[in-house]
Amino acid sequence: MQRLHIIQISDTHLTPHGQLPAHHQTIDPWMKLTAIIQDIRTLPYQPDLIVFTGDLIHSGSADDYQRLHGVVHMMKDEFNCHVRVILGNHDTRAAFYEGYLPADPGPYYASRMRLGNNDFYFLDSKIEGFEAGWLPTAQLQWLGKHLRQAPTKRAFLFLHHPLDGAPMENMHYAILQNTPELLSVLRGHNIGGIFSGHVHFPTSYLNGDGILNVVAGSASFDIDCTDPQLHEIRESSSYQIITVDRGQIGVTVRQLLQQAAVLDSLPIPSTRFLTKRPANL
C-alpha cells in the first residue's frame, strides 16, 4: 500500500491587510506561514496532501482570502500535491466564499477526496456567532451517506474543533459540542483518525469509541490552558506531519518557534459545555 505524508497546518490566524496581528503577536503570521513553507521544502519527501484546519485569517476580507488562495495555488504547484482548507470560528464565511471560492457551496463547506484506499473528509464545524463548533444534521447525513458507500475504505476526518476526550476536560466551552452525534455516524466504519486544531496546543487521545484523535498546535501562537480559568498566550509556531503506512499512523510535530514570555491572557468564566444550541441545527 502507498505510504502517505499529510501536512496539517492549523490556526494560522493570518492578519488582514492593514491590521496588526491578533492577540499581540510580535511576529507577522504571514511570516510564520512563509517559514512553515520553507521548512516543508527541507523535508526528504514530497507531501501527498496539505490541510489547513481552520482559523485561516483572523476576521479577514474577501481580498485577504484571495491572497491566501494565491499562496495555496503556489503550494499546489510547488509541492505537486493536493491542498485543502477548512473554516474555523475566526474565519469570515461570506468573505471566504467571495474571495476564495469560484462558487457558493451553500450552508457549509465540506468535501472529500480519495488517495489510494483512504478517504479524506474535510468537515465544516464553524457556526456563526459561536467560538465552539457544531456539525449540522445535514452535514452528518452527508458524511454518513459517503461512509456507507465506501465500506472498504479507511476514513480520515479533518475539522477545526476537537472532539470531546480526556485532554479536553477544561475546554468543553470551546470544542465540538455534538461529539456523540458525530461518533454515532462513525460507529461501525473504518476510521483511521480525526485531526483538528482550534485550542492552540498539541495533544492526542482515544475517545470512548477507541478512535484516534490528534489535535495540532497552532502556526501562529500557543495557548497554555493549564489553568482552566486563565489561559496564557505565547509566541510560537508549529505544524505536524501525519504518516499513513500499511495500516499504521504516526504524527510528528515540527516546532519552528517557541518563546517563554507571556504576551496576553484570556479569562475563562466557565469551562462547561454550552447550553445554547444554534436554531438552524
C-alpha atoms as a PDB file:
ATOM      1  CA  MET A   1       0.000   0.000   0.000  1.00  0.00           C
ATOM      2  CA  GLN A   2       1.106   3.553  -0.729  1.00  0.00           C
ATOM      3  CA  ARG A   3       2.781   5.463   2.101  1.00  0.00           C
ATOM      4  CA  LEU A   4       1.177   8.878   2.527  1.00  0.00           C
ATOM      5  CA  HIS A   5       2.581  12.052   4.076  1.00  0.00           C
ATOM      6  CA  ILE A   6      -0.041  14.602   5.086  1.00  0.00           C
ATOM      7  CA  ILE A   7       0.932  18.069   6.295  1.00  0.00           C
ATOM      8  CA  GLN A   8      -1.511  19.658   8.749  1.00  0.00           C
ATOM      9  CA  ILE A   9      -1.231  23.410   9.320  1.00  0.00           C
ATOM     10  CA  SER A  10      -3.727  24.811  11.801  1.00  0.00           C
ATOM     11  CA  ASP A  11      -4.791  28.175  13.165  1.00  0.00           C
ATOM     12  CA  THR A  12      -2.627  30.408  11.013  1.00  0.00           C
ATOM     13  CA  HIS A  13      -4.657  33.493  12.102  1.00  0.00           C
ATOM     14  CA  LEU A  14      -3.245  35.411   9.157  1.00  0.00           C
ATOM     15  CA  THR A  15      -3.508  39.169   9.612  1.00  0.00           C
ATOM     16  CA  PRO A  16      -5.948  41.079   7.390  1.00  0.00           C
ATOM     17  CA  HIS A  17      -4.354  43.729   5.195  1.00  0.00           C
ATOM     18  CA  GLY A  18      -3.544  46.900   7.101  1.00  0.00           C
ATOM     19  CA  GLN A  19      -4.172  45.446  10.565  1.00  0.00           C
ATOM     20  CA  LEU A  20      -1.911  44.436  13.441  1.00  0.00           C
ATOM     21  CA  PRO A  21      -1.513  40.729  14.313  1.00  0.00           C
ATOM     22  CA  ALA A  22      -4.180  39.274  16.602  1.00  0.00           C
ATOM     23  CA  HIS A  23      -3.554  38.627  20.295  1.00  0.00           C
ATOM     24  CA  HIS A  24      -0.489  40.877  20.444  1.00  0.00           C
ATOM     25  CA  GLN A  25       1.782  38.647  18.414  1.00  0.00           C
ATOM     26  CA  THR A  26       5.195  40.142  17.817  1.00  0.00           C
ATOM     27  CA  ILE A  27       5.819  38.336  14.514  1.00  0.00           C
ATOM     28  CA  ASP A  28       3.534  38.678  11.491  1.00  0.00           C
ATOM     29  CA  PRO A  29       1.627  35.373  11.000  1.00  0.00           C
ATOM     30  CA  TRP A  30       2.241  35.628   7.240  1.00  0.00           C
ATOM     31  CA  MET A  31       5.975  35.401   8.027  1.00  0.00           C
ATOM     32  CA  LYS A  32       5.318  32.312  10.156  1.00  0.00           C
ATOM     33  CA  LEU A  33       3.444  30.682   7.284  1.00  0.00           C
ATOM     34  CA  THR A  34       6.372  31.520   4.991  1.00  0.00           C
ATOM     35  CA  ALA A  35       8.712  29.801   7.475  1.00  0.00           C
ATOM     36  CA  ILE A  36       6.488  26.697   7.513  1.00  0.00           C
ATOM     37  CA  ILE A  37       6.504  26.525   3.723  1.00  0.00           C
ATOM     38  CA  GLN A  38      10.282  26.859   3.767  1.00  0.00           C
ATOM     39  CA  ASP A  39      10.519  24.024   6.317  1.00  0.00           C
ATOM     40  CA  ILE A  40       8.336  21.789   4.135  1.00  0.00           C
ATOM     41  CA  ARG A  41      10.865  22.376   1.328  1.00  0.00           C
ATOM     42  CA  THR A  42      13.568  20.787   3.511  1.00  0.00           C
ATOM     43  CA  LEU A  43      11.661  17.513   4.049  1.00  0.00           C
ATOM     44  CA  PRO A  44      13.152  14.413   2.349  1.00  0.00           C
ATOM     45  CA  TYR A  45       9.828  13.675   0.602  1.00  0.00           C
ATOM     46  CA  GLN A  46       7.020  15.495  -1.149  1.00  0.00           C
ATOM     47  CA  PRO A  47       3.731  15.676   0.759  1.00  0.00           C
ATOM     48  CA  ASP A  48       0.702  13.974  -0.746  1.00  0.00           C
ATOM     49  CA  LEU A  49      -1.764  16.312   0.911  1.00  0.00           C
ATOM     50  CA  ILE A  50      -1.613  19.616   2.822  1.00  0.00           C
ATOM     51  CA  VAL A  51      -4.573  20.552   5.024  1.00  0.00           C
ATOM     52  CA  PHE A  52      -5.193  23.920   6.687  1.00  0.00           C
ATOM     53  CA  THR A  53      -7.555  23.155   9.578  1.00  0.00           C
ATOM     54  CA  GLY A  54      -9.289  26.451  10.155  1.00  0.00           C
ATOM     55  CA  ASP A  55      -8.848  29.954  11.541  1.00  0.00           C
ATOM     56  CA  LEU A  56      -7.172  30.763   8.275  1.00  0.00           C
ATOM     57  CA  ILE A  57      -7.444  34.548   8.518  1.00  0.00           C
ATOM     58  CA  HIS A  58      -8.414  36.437  11.660  1.00  0.00           C
ATOM     59  CA  SER A  59     -11.637  38.195  10.574  1.00  0.00           C
ATOM     60  CA  GLY A  60     -10.446  38.699   7.010  1.00  0.00           C
ATOM     61  CA  SER A  61     -11.976  40.321   3.946  1.00  0.00           C
ATOM     62  CA  ALA A  62     -12.543  38.802   0.506  1.00  0.00           C
ATOM     63  CA  ASP A  63      -9.246  40.341  -0.634  1.00  0.00           C
ATOM     64  CA  ASP A  64      -7.417  38.617   2.223  1.00  0.00           C
ATOM     65  CA  TYR A  65      -8.852  35.235   1.247  1.00  0.00           C
ATOM     66  CA  GLN A  66      -7.934  35.915  -2.358  1.00  0.00           C
ATOM     67  CA  ARG A  67      -4.330  36.457  -1.196  1.00  0.00           C
ATOM     68  CA  LEU A  68      -4.464  33.158   0.706  1.00  0.00           C
ATOM     69  CA  HIS A  69      -5.831  31.442  -2.395  1.00  0.00           C
ATOM     70  CA  GLY A  70      -2.734  32.614  -4.255  1.00  0.00           C
ATOM     71  CA  VAL A  71      -0.481  31.074  -1.603  1.00  0.00           C
ATOM     72  CA  VAL A  72      -2.422  27.788  -1.716  1.00  0.00           C
ATOM     73  CA  HIS A  73      -2.190  27.717  -5.516  1.00  0.00           C
ATOM     74  CA  MET A  74       1.571  28.238  -5.265  1.00  0.00           C
ATOM     75  CA  MET A  75       1.870  25.370  -2.757  1.00  0.00           C
ATOM     76  CA  LYS A  76      -0.125  23.044  -5.020  1.00  0.00           C
ATOM     77  CA  ASP A  77       2.210  23.788  -7.901  1.00  0.00           C
ATOM     78  CA  GLU A  78       5.471  23.682  -5.964  1.00  0.00           C
ATOM     79  CA  PHE A  79       4.797  20.532  -3.950  1.00  0.00           C
ATOM     80  CA  ASN A  80       2.690  18.859  -6.658  1.00  0.00           C
ATOM     81  CA  CYS A  81       0.089  17.775  -4.130  1.00  0.00           C
ATOM     82  CA  HIS A  82      -3.464  18.383  -3.036  1.00  0.00           C
ATOM     83  CA  VAL A  83      -4.081  21.345  -0.696  1.00  0.00           C
ATOM     84  CA  ARG A  84      -7.367  21.675   1.194  1.00  0.00           C
ATOM     85  CA  VAL A  85      -8.610  24.318   3.612  1.00  0.00           C
ATOM     86  CA  ILE A  86     -11.481  24.282   6.097  1.00  0.00           C
ATOM     87  CA  LEU A  87     -13.085  27.040   8.121  1.00  0.00           C
ATOM     88  CA  GLY A  88     -12.580  27.918  11.799  1.00  0.00           C
ATOM     89  CA  ASN A  89     -14.533  30.099  14.183  1.00  0.00           C
ATOM     90  CA  HIS A  90     -12.393  33.185  13.443  1.00  0.00           C
ATOM     91  CA  ASP A  91     -12.901  32.896   9.689  1.00  0.00           C
ATOM     92  CA  THR A  92     -15.487  35.078   7.949  1.00  0.00           C
ATOM     93  CA  ARG A  93     -17.644  32.737   5.906  1.00  0.00           C
ATOM     94  CA  ALA A  94     -19.058  35.326   3.477  1.00  0.00           C
ATOM     95  CA  ALA A  95     -15.610  36.803   2.764  1.00  0.00           C
ATOM     96  CA  PHE A  96     -14.139  33.317   2.293  1.00  0.00           C
ATOM     97  CA  TYR A  97     -16.891  32.351  -0.131  1.00  0.00           C
ATOM     98  CA  GLU A  98     -16.384  35.572  -2.101  1.00  0.00           C
ATOM     99  CA  GLY A  99     -12.598  35.706  -2.163  1.00  0.00           C
ATOM    100  CA  TYR A 100     -11.523  32.049  -2.165  1.00  0.00           C
ATOM    101  CA  LEU A 101     -14.205  30.016  -3.923  1.00  0.00           C
ATOM    102  CA  PRO A 102     -15.413  30.099  -7.516  1.00  0.00           C
ATOM    103  CA  ALA A 103     -18.984  29.389  -6.368  1.00  0.00           C
ATOM    104  CA  ASP A 104     -21.028  29.493  -3.161  1.00  0.00           C
ATOM    105  CA  PRO A 105     -21.119  25.908  -1.762  1.00  0.00           C
ATOM    106  CA  GLY A 106     -24.198  26.501   0.386  1.00  0.00           C
ATOM    107  CA  PRO A 107     -24.710  26.472   4.158  1.00  0.00           C
ATOM    108  CA  TYR A 108     -21.469  24.650   4.942  1.00  0.00           C
ATOM    109  CA  TYR A 109     -18.113  23.993   3.252  1.00  0.00           C
ATOM    110  CA  ALA A 110     -17.357  20.265   3.382  1.00  0.00           C
ATOM    111  CA  SER A 111     -15.709  17.945   0.876  1.00  0.00           C
ATOM    112  CA  ARG A 112     -13.977  14.606   0.483  1.00  0.00           C
ATOM    113  CA  MET A 113     -11.216  13.102  -1.622  1.00  0.00           C
ATOM    114  CA  ARG A 114      -9.596   9.681  -2.104  1.00  0.00           C
ATOM    115  CA  LEU A 115      -5.932   8.708  -2.039  1.00  0.00           C
ATOM    116  CA  GLY A 116      -5.376   5.014  -2.579  1.00  0.00           C
ATOM    117  CA  ASN A 117      -7.506   3.049  -0.136  1.00  0.00           C
ATOM    118  CA  ASN A 118      -8.076   6.102   2.072  1.00  0.00           C
ATOM    119  CA  ASP A 119     -10.937   8.587   2.032  1.00  0.00           C
ATOM    120  CA  PHE A 120     -10.339  12.048   3.476  1.00  0.00           C
ATOM    121  CA  TYR A 121     -13.248  14.128   4.741  1.00  0.00           C
ATOM    122  CA  PHE A 122     -12.933  17.859   5.353  1.00  0.00           C
ATOM    123  CA  LEU A 123     -15.753  18.993   7.635  1.00  0.00           C
ATOM    124  CA  ASP A 124     -17.147  22.425   8.456  1.00  0.00           C
ATOM    125  CA  SER A 125     -17.719  22.833  12.213  1.00  0.00           C
ATOM    126  CA  LYS A 126     -17.949  26.636  12.140  1.00  0.00           C
ATOM    127  CA  ILE A 127     -21.235  28.092  13.400  1.00  0.00           C
ATOM    128  CA  GLU A 128     -21.724  31.840  13.090  1.00  0.00           C
ATOM    129  CA  GLY A 129     -21.664  33.669  16.408  1.00  0.00           C
ATOM    130  CA  PHE A 130     -20.008  30.877  18.406  1.00  0.00           C
ATOM    131  CA  GLU A 131     -16.433  30.047  19.382  1.00  0.00           C
ATOM    132  CA  ALA A 132     -17.429  26.415  19.903  1.00  0.00           C
ATOM    133  CA  GLY A 133     -18.297  24.165  16.978  1.00  0.00           C
ATOM    134  CA  TRP A 134     -21.184  22.020  15.807  1.00  0.00           C
ATOM    135  CA  LEU A 135     -21.704  19.713  12.855  1.00  0.00           C
ATOM    136  CA  PRO A 136     -25.198  20.355  11.458  1.00  0.00           C
ATOM    137  CA  THR A 137     -27.570  17.447  10.861  1.00  0.00           C
ATOM    138  CA  ALA A 138     -27.383  17.828   7.075  1.00  0.00           C
ATOM    139  CA  GLN A 139     -23.605  17.560   7.139  1.00  0.00           C
ATOM    140  CA  LEU A 140     -23.688  14.492   9.401  1.00  0.00           C
ATOM    141  CA  GLN A 141     -26.149  12.875   6.988  1.00  0.00           C
ATOM    142  CA  TRP A 142     -23.831  13.704   4.068  1.00  0.00           C
ATOM    143  CA  LEU A 143     -20.905  12.135   5.933  1.00  0.00           C
ATOM    144  CA  GLY A 144     -22.850   9.009   6.857  1.00  0.00           C
ATOM    145  CA  LYS A 145     -24.030   8.512   3.279  1.00  0.00           C
ATOM    146  CA  HIS A 146     -20.492   8.582   1.874  1.00  0.00           C
ATOM    147  CA  LEU A 147     -19.121   6.324   4.616  1.00  0.00           C
ATOM    148  CA  ARG A 148     -21.786   3.729   3.824  1.00  0.00           C
ATOM    149  CA  GLN A 149     -20.996   3.943   0.110  1.00  0.00           C
ATOM    150  CA  ALA A 150     -17.298   3.137   0.712  1.00  0.00           C
ATOM    151  CA  PRO A 151     -17.222   0.391   3.385  1.00  0.00           C
ATOM    152  CA  THR A 152     -13.796  -0.926   2.332  1.00  0.00           C
ATOM    153  CA  LYS A 153     -12.068   2.450   2.538  1.00  0.00           C
ATOM    154  CA  ARG A 154     -10.363   3.806   5.643  1.00  0.00           C
ATOM    155  CA  ALA A 155     -11.660   7.255   6.537  1.00  0.00           C
ATOM    156  CA  PHE A 156      -9.722  10.200   7.951  1.00  0.00           C
ATOM    157  CA  LEU A 157     -11.590  13.264   9.174  1.00  0.00           C
ATOM    158  CA  PHE A 158     -10.331  16.846   9.396  1.00  0.00           C
ATOM    159  CA  LEU A 159     -12.251  19.603  11.156  1.00  0.00           C
ATOM    160  CA  HIS A 160     -11.424  22.710  13.161  1.00  0.00           C
ATOM    161  CA  HIS A 161     -12.955  21.871  16.557  1.00  0.00           C
ATOM    162  CA  PRO A 162     -11.657  18.888  18.581  1.00  0.00           C
ATOM    163  CA  LEU A 163     -13.984  16.164  19.741  1.00  0.00           C
ATOM    164  CA  ASP A 164     -14.551  15.600  23.436  1.00  0.00           C
ATOM    165  CA  GLY A 165     -11.909  13.481  25.177  1.00  0.00           C
ATOM    166  CA  ALA A 166      -9.704  13.369  28.267  1.00  0.00           C
ATOM    167  CA  PRO A 167      -7.396  16.336  27.398  1.00  0.00           C
ATOM    168  CA  MET A 168     -10.458  18.476  26.562  1.00  0.00           C
ATOM    169  CA  GLU A 169     -11.980  18.308  30.062  1.00  0.00           C
ATOM    170  CA  ASN A 170     -11.350  22.014  30.726  1.00  0.00           C
ATOM    171  CA  MET A 171     -12.173  23.058  27.150  1.00  0.00           C
ATOM    172  CA  HIS A 172     -15.801  21.942  26.867  1.00  0.00           C
ATOM    173  CA  TYR A 173     -16.980  25.505  26.246  1.00  0.00           C
ATOM    174  CA  ALA A 174     -14.829  25.756  23.075  1.00  0.00           C
ATOM    175  CA  ILE A 175     -14.750  22.342  21.387  1.00  0.00           C
ATOM    176  CA  LEU A 176     -17.210  20.401  19.207  1.00  0.00           C
ATOM    177  CA  GLN A 177     -20.496  20.462  21.095  1.00  0.00           C
ATOM    178  CA  ASN A 178     -22.138  17.427  19.452  1.00  0.00           C
ATOM    179  CA  THR A 179     -19.365  14.821  19.681  1.00  0.00           C
ATOM    180  CA  PRO A 180     -21.857  11.992  20.470  1.00  0.00           C
ATOM    181  CA  GLU A 181     -23.792  12.725  17.261  1.00  0.00           C
ATOM    182  CA  LEU A 182     -20.628  12.515  15.164  1.00  0.00           C
ATOM    183  CA  LEU A 183     -19.480   9.312  16.870  1.00  0.00           C
ATOM    184  CA  SER A 184     -22.880   7.757  16.185  1.00  0.00           C
ATOM    185  CA  VAL A 185     -22.362   8.394  12.453  1.00  0.00           C
ATOM    186  CA  LEU A 186     -18.824   6.954  12.559  1.00  0.00           C
ATOM    187  CA  ARG A 187     -19.715   3.813  14.507  1.00  0.00           C
ATOM    188  CA  GLY A 188     -19.122   0.623  12.548  1.00  0.00           C
ATOM    189  CA  HIS A 189     -16.903   2.257   9.936  1.00  0.00           C
ATOM    190  CA  ASN A 190     -13.143   2.019   9.406  1.00  0.00           C
ATOM    191  CA  ILE A 191     -11.935   5.315  10.883  1.00  0.00           C
ATOM    192  CA  GLY A 192      -8.184   5.925  10.700  1.00  0.00           C
ATOM    193  CA  GLY A 193      -8.194   9.109  12.757  1.00  0.00           C
ATOM    194  CA  ILE A 194      -9.705  12.511  13.411  1.00  0.00           C
ATOM    195  CA  PHE A 195      -7.491  15.595  13.111  1.00  0.00           C
ATOM    196  CA  SER A 196      -8.375  19.045  14.406  1.00  0.00           C
ATOM    197  CA  GLY A 197      -6.912  22.255  15.832  1.00  0.00           C
ATOM    198  CA  HIS A 198      -8.561  25.288  17.479  1.00  0.00           C
ATOM    199  CA  VAL A 199      -7.204  25.029  21.041  1.00  0.00           C
ATOM    200  CA  HIS A 200      -3.616  26.053  20.124  1.00  0.00           C
ATOM    201  CA  PHE A 201      -1.880  23.195  21.940  1.00  0.00           C
ATOM    202  CA  PRO A 202      -0.989  19.753  20.545  1.00  0.00           C
ATOM    203  CA  THR A 203      -2.442  16.643  22.114  1.00  0.00           C
ATOM    204  CA  SER A 204      -3.745  13.192  21.192  1.00  0.00           C
ATOM    205  CA  TYR A 205      -6.237  10.802  22.756  1.00  0.00           C
ATOM    206  CA  LEU A 206      -8.625   7.933  22.156  1.00  0.00           C
ATOM    207  CA  ASN A 207     -12.279   8.658  22.783  1.00  0.00           C
ATOM    208  CA  GLY A 208     -14.832   6.160  24.082  1.00  0.00           C
ATOM    209  CA  ASP A 209     -15.111   4.519  20.669  1.00  0.00           C
ATOM    210  CA  GLY A 210     -11.340   3.938  20.513  1.00  0.00           C
ATOM    211  CA  ILE A 211     -10.841   6.396  17.642  1.00  0.00           C
ATOM    212  CA  LEU A 212      -7.533   8.227  17.397  1.00  0.00           C
ATOM    213  CA  ASN A 213      -7.927  11.984  17.873  1.00  0.00           C
ATOM    214  CA  VAL A 214      -4.949  14.243  17.158  1.00  0.00           C
ATOM    215  CA  VAL A 215      -5.082  17.978  17.822  1.00  0.00           C
ATOM    216  CA  ALA A 216      -2.471  20.129  16.103  1.00  0.00           C
ATOM    217  CA  GLY A 217      -0.674  23.039  17.684  1.00  0.00           C
ATOM    218  CA  SER A 218      -1.006  26.449  16.100  1.00  0.00           C
ATOM    219  CA  ALA A 219       1.012  28.001  13.308  1.00  0.00           C
ATOM    220  CA  SER A 220       0.539  31.426  14.921  1.00  0.00           C
ATOM    221  CA  PHE A 221       0.647  31.327  18.745  1.00  0.00           C
ATOM    222  CA  ASP A 222       0.473  28.930  21.669  1.00  0.00           C
ATOM    223  CA  ILE A 223      -2.209  28.943  24.361  1.00  0.00           C
ATOM    224  CA  ASP A 224      -1.351  27.348  27.710  1.00  0.00           C
ATOM    225  CA  CYS A 225      -4.619  26.084  29.207  1.00  0.00           C
ATOM    226  CA  THR A 226      -3.092  24.517  32.340  1.00  0.00           C
ATOM    227  CA  ASP A 227      -5.114  26.948  34.451  1.00  0.00           C
ATOM    228  CA  PRO A 228      -8.664  26.360  33.188  1.00  0.00           C
ATOM    229  CA  GLN A 229      -9.783  29.840  34.239  1.00  0.00           C
ATOM    230  CA  LEU A 230      -6.850  31.819  32.803  1.00  0.00           C
ATOM    231  CA  HIS A 231      -5.226  30.842  29.510  1.00  0.00           C
ATOM    232  CA  GLU A 232      -1.798  32.294  28.681  1.00  0.00           C
ATOM    233  CA  ILE A 233      -0.712  33.226  25.148  1.00  0.00           C
ATOM    234  CA  ARG A 234       2.893  32.867  23.971  1.00  0.00           C
ATOM    235  CA  GLU A 235       4.641  33.412  20.669  1.00  0.00           C
ATOM    236  CA  SER A 236       5.106  30.113  18.843  1.00  0.00           C
ATOM    237  CA  SER A 237       4.643  28.342  15.522  1.00  0.00           C
ATOM    238  CA  SER A 238       4.307  24.675  14.614  1.00  0.00           C
ATOM    239  CA  TYR A 239       2.748  22.271  12.157  1.00  0.00           C
ATOM    240  CA  GLN A 240       2.518  18.490  12.038  1.00  0.00           C
ATOM    241  CA  ILE A 241       3.187  15.651   9.625  1.00  0.00           C
ATOM    242  CA  ILE A 242       0.810  12.679   9.548  1.00  0.00           C
ATOM    243  CA  THR A 243       2.287   9.490   8.078  1.00  0.00           C
ATOM    244  CA  VAL A 244      -0.016   6.689   6.945  1.00  0.00           C
ATOM    245  CA  ASP A 245       1.787   3.453   6.117  1.00  0.00           C
ATOM    246  CA  ARG A 246       0.451  -0.131   5.913  1.00  0.00           C
ATOM    247  CA  GLY A 247      -2.304   0.475   8.422  1.00  0.00           C
ATOM    248  CA  GLN A 248      -0.063   2.388  10.807  1.00  0.00           C
ATOM    249  CA  ILE A 249      -0.438   6.078  11.603  1.00  0.00           C
ATOM    250  CA  GLY A 250       2.235   8.349  13.056  1.00  0.00           C
ATOM    251  CA  VAL A 251       2.306  12.076  13.811  1.00  0.00           C
ATOM    252  CA  THR A 252       5.410  14.260  14.027  1.00  0.00           C
ATOM    253  CA  VAL A 253       5.253  17.820  15.365  1.00  0.00           C
ATOM    254  CA  ARG A 254       7.546  20.363  13.689  1.00  0.00           C
ATOM    255  CA  GLN A 255       8.068  23.129  16.255  1.00  0.00           C
ATOM    256  CA  LEU A 256       9.605  26.112  14.478  1.00  0.00           C
ATOM    257  CA  LEU A 257       9.228  28.751  17.196  1.00  0.00           C
ATOM    258  CA  GLN A 258       8.531  28.781  20.947  1.00  0.00           C
ATOM    259  CA  GLN A 259       9.072  31.755  23.241  1.00  0.00           C
ATOM    260  CA  ALA A 260       8.683  31.842  27.019  1.00  0.00           C
ATOM    261  CA  ALA A 261       7.247  35.330  27.508  1.00  0.00           C
ATOM    262  CA  VAL A 262       3.501  35.598  28.121  1.00  0.00           C
ATOM    263  CA  LEU A 263       2.036  38.052  25.588  1.00  0.00           C
ATOM    264  CA  ASP A 264      -1.570  38.041  26.732  1.00  0.00           C
ATOM    265  CA  SER A 265      -4.030  36.098  28.878  1.00  0.00           C
ATOM    266  CA  LEU A 266      -7.634  35.052  28.394  1.00  0.00           C
ATOM    267  CA  PRO A 267     -10.000  34.826  31.398  1.00  0.00           C
ATOM    268  CA  ILE A 268     -12.424  31.884  31.078  1.00  0.00           C
ATOM    269  CA  PRO A 269     -15.643  32.370  33.077  1.00  0.00           C
ATOM    270  CA  SER A 270     -16.903  28.797  32.582  1.00  0.00           C
ATOM    271  CA  THR A 271     -15.373  25.647  31.117  1.00  0.00           C
ATOM    272  CA  ARG A 272     -18.688  23.786  30.740  1.00  0.00           C
ATOM    273  CA  PHE A 273     -20.418  22.747  27.543  1.00  0.00           C
ATOM    274  CA  LEU A 274     -22.716  25.399  26.136  1.00  0.00           C
ATOM    275  CA  THR A 275     -26.397  25.117  26.917  1.00  0.00           C
ATOM    276  CA  LYS A 276     -27.462  27.318  23.972  1.00  0.00           C
ATOM    277  CA  ARG A 277     -27.799  25.426  20.683  1.00  0.00           C
ATOM    278  CA  PRO A 278     -27.974  27.231  17.338  1.00  0.00           C
ATOM    279  CA  ALA A 279     -31.519  27.224  15.991  1.00  0.00           C
ATOM    280  CA  ASN A 280     -30.537  26.087  12.477  1.00  0.00           C
ATOM    281  CA  LEU A 281     -29.062  22.762  13.631  1.00  0.00           C
END
